[in-house]
Amino acid sequence: MDELGLVGNGPNNYQIWLGGMPTQTSLARTLMNKVKIQDLEKVFEPLFYIWRLKRKSRESFGDFTNRVARHISE
């Protein structure tokens, strides 16, 4: 599973999955369900902005989302 995934969840609705790694050392987790296609940009823009500001040197998006998710859940 890749670092970011969209899975169709009905007409014009998607599940958003984050955190997977192409090496399959970490699997993605569901972030949101039933996101309307017109709302995808509203979800992704802040995620990518925070990643750009807060990531470690050469940290992939999947590594970043896993690190942040672990920190939030503690």
Protein backbone atom coordinates (compact mmCIF):
# COMPACT_ATOMS: atom_id res chain seq x y z
CA MET A 1 0.00 0.00 0.00
CA ASP A 2 1.29 3.45 -0.83
CA GLU A 3 1.63 6.52 1.35
CA LEU A 4 -1.72 7.96 0.32
CA GLY A 5 -4.72 6.12 -1.01
CA LEU A 6 -8.20 6.95 -2.22
CA VAL A 7 -10.82 4.22 -2.21
CA GLY A 8 -14.21 4.76 -3.81
CA ASN A 9 -16.95 4.67 -1.21
CA GLY A 10 -20.05 5.35 -3.30
CA PRO A 11 -20.82 7.86 -6.03
CA ASN A 12 -18.38 10.79 -5.70
CA ASN A 13 -17.33 9.67 -2.18
CA TYR A 14 -13.93 8.41 -1.12
CA GLN A 15 -12.13 6.95 1.85
CA ILE A 16 -8.75 8.56 2.48
CA TRP A 17 -5.95 6.26 3.65
CA LEU A 18 -2.57 7.53 4.90
CA GLY A 19 0.70 6.13 6.16
CA GLY A 20 1.41 3.10 4.03
CA MET A 21 4.87 2.42 2.67
CA PRO A 22 5.78 1.04 -0.76
CA THR A 23 8.10 -1.40 1.05
CA GLN A 24 5.06 -2.68 2.99
CA THR A 25 6.82 -2.11 6.31
CA SER A 26 3.79 -0.07 7.35
CA LEU A 27 0.21 -0.32 6.17
CA ALA A 28 -2.03 2.67 5.59
CA ARG A 29 -4.81 3.54 8.00
CA THR A 30 -8.15 5.15 7.26
CA LEU A 31 -8.12 8.88 7.91
CA MET A 32 -11.62 9.77 6.73
CA ASN A 33 -14.69 8.11 5.22
CA LYS A 34 -17.19 9.39 2.67
CA VAL A 35 -15.27 12.49 1.64
CA LYS A 36 -16.99 14.19 -1.27
CA ILE A 37 -14.88 14.60 -4.38
CA GLN A 38 -15.25 18.39 -4.21
CA ASP A 39 -13.83 18.36 -0.63
CA LEU A 40 -10.63 16.43 -1.37
CA GLU A 41 -8.56 19.58 -1.87
CA LYS A 42 -9.75 20.94 1.49
CA VAL A 43 -8.43 17.78 3.16
CA PHE A 44 -5.14 17.40 1.29
CA GLU A 45 -3.93 21.00 1.11
CA PRO A 46 -3.40 21.42 4.89
CA LEU A 47 -1.85 17.93 5.17
CA PHE A 48 0.73 18.68 2.49
CA TYR A 49 1.38 22.13 3.92
CA ILE A 50 2.08 20.73 7.41
CA TRP A 51 4.26 17.98 5.92
CA ARG A 52 6.30 20.57 4.04
CA LEU A 53 6.83 22.63 7.20
CA LYS A 54 7.30 19.90 9.81
CA ARG A 55 8.93 16.97 8.06
CA LYS A 56 12.41 15.81 8.91
CA SER A 57 15.12 15.95 6.26
CA ARG A 58 14.20 13.60 3.39
CA GLU A 59 11.21 12.22 5.33
CA SER A 60 8.58 10.69 3.08
CA PHE A 61 4.92 11.58 3.41
CA GLY A 62 4.14 8.08 4.71
CA ASP A 63 6.88 8.25 7.35
CA PHE A 64 5.68 11.69 8.39
CA THR A 65 2.03 10.68 8.75
CA ASN A 66 3.02 7.62 10.79
CA ARG A 67 5.28 9.66 13.07
CA VAL A 68 2.67 12.35 13.62
CA ALA A 69 -0.11 9.81 14.18
CA ARG A 70 1.98 8.02 16.83
CA HIS A 71 2.73 11.32 18.55
CA ILE A 72 -0.94 12.36 18.57
CA SER A 73 -2.13 9.00 19.92
CA GLU A 74 0.30 9.04 22.88
